[in-house]
Amino acid sequence: MSGADLGTVSGRILTADAVDSHNTFDQPEAVEPADFDGATVEEGMLKLKLPAKSVVVLELAQK
């Protein structure tokens, strides 16, 4: 984000143990969203640690 003065970052992650995991009526919570803490802002730069087999949505806030 060129020109953005980043302040904070928060996010949600969707992941599971296996890449082909899915929810069923018997296991409705096999895959569910959770808070994501693998993103930080350091000296105005966004730093990420993304796990394999995941989808992450981030919300960036300016200072």
Protein backbone atom coordinates (compact mmCIF):
# COMPACT_ATOMS: atom_id res chain seq x y z
CA MET A 1 0.00 0.00 0.00
CA SER A 2 2.21 2.76 -1.22
CA GLY A 3 1.60 6.04 0.54
CA ALA A 4 -0.52 4.57 3.34
CA ASP A 5 0.45 5.40 6.92
CA LEU A 6 -0.41 2.05 8.52
CA GLY A 7 -1.40 1.98 12.16
CA THR A 8 -3.00 -1.35 13.04
CA VAL A 9 -3.94 -4.63 11.40
CA SER A 10 -6.48 -7.27 12.40
CA GLY A 11 -7.75 -10.32 10.61
CA ARG A 12 -9.65 -13.58 10.42
CA ILE A 13 -8.38 -16.94 9.16
CA LEU A 14 -10.11 -19.96 7.67
CA THR A 15 -8.02 -23.15 7.87
CA ALA A 16 -8.10 -26.84 8.79
CA ASP A 17 -5.75 -29.78 9.33
CA ALA A 18 -6.22 -31.15 5.80
CA VAL A 19 -6.52 -29.25 2.53
CA ASP A 20 -9.68 -31.20 1.63
CA SER A 21 -11.43 -30.60 4.98
CA HIS A 22 -15.04 -29.49 4.79
CA ASN A 23 -18.04 -29.07 7.05
CA THR A 24 -20.74 -31.74 7.13
CA PHE A 25 -23.91 -32.26 9.13
CA ASP A 26 -21.94 -34.69 11.34
CA GLN A 27 -18.96 -32.29 11.71
CA PRO A 28 -20.34 -28.76 11.25
CA GLU A 29 -17.26 -27.08 12.75
CA ALA A 30 -14.45 -28.90 10.91
CA VAL A 31 -13.61 -25.63 9.13
CA GLU A 32 -14.52 -22.35 10.79
CA PRO A 33 -13.18 -18.81 10.95
CA ALA A 34 -10.95 -17.71 13.84
CA ASP A 35 -9.01 -14.61 14.86
CA PHE A 36 -5.69 -14.26 12.99
CA ASP A 37 -2.63 -12.96 14.84
CA GLY A 38 0.04 -13.56 12.20
CA ALA A 39 0.05 -9.97 10.92
CA THR A 40 1.82 -6.96 12.41
CA VAL A 41 2.75 -3.44 11.40
CA GLU A 42 6.43 -2.65 12.04
CA GLU A 43 7.85 0.76 11.10
CA GLY A 44 4.94 1.33 8.74
CA MET A 45 5.43 -2.02 6.95
CA LEU A 46 2.93 -4.88 6.95
CA LYS A 47 4.51 -8.21 8.03
CA LEU A 48 2.67 -11.51 7.52
CA LYS A 49 3.16 -15.13 8.52
CA LEU A 50 0.59 -17.09 6.52
CA PRO A 51 0.06 -20.78 7.30
CA ALA A 52 -0.39 -23.31 4.52
CA LYS A 53 -3.93 -24.31 3.54
CA SER A 54 -5.53 -21.09 4.71
CA VAL A 55 -7.51 -18.07 3.60
CA VAL A 56 -6.87 -14.83 5.48
CA VAL A 57 -8.82 -11.57 5.43
CA LEU A 58 -7.07 -8.51 6.85
CA GLU A 59 -8.38 -5.12 7.93
CA LEU A 60 -5.80 -2.34 7.78
CA ALA A 61 -6.25 0.94 9.63
CA GLN A 62 -4.34 4.13 9.03
CA LYS A 63 -2.78 6.11 11.87
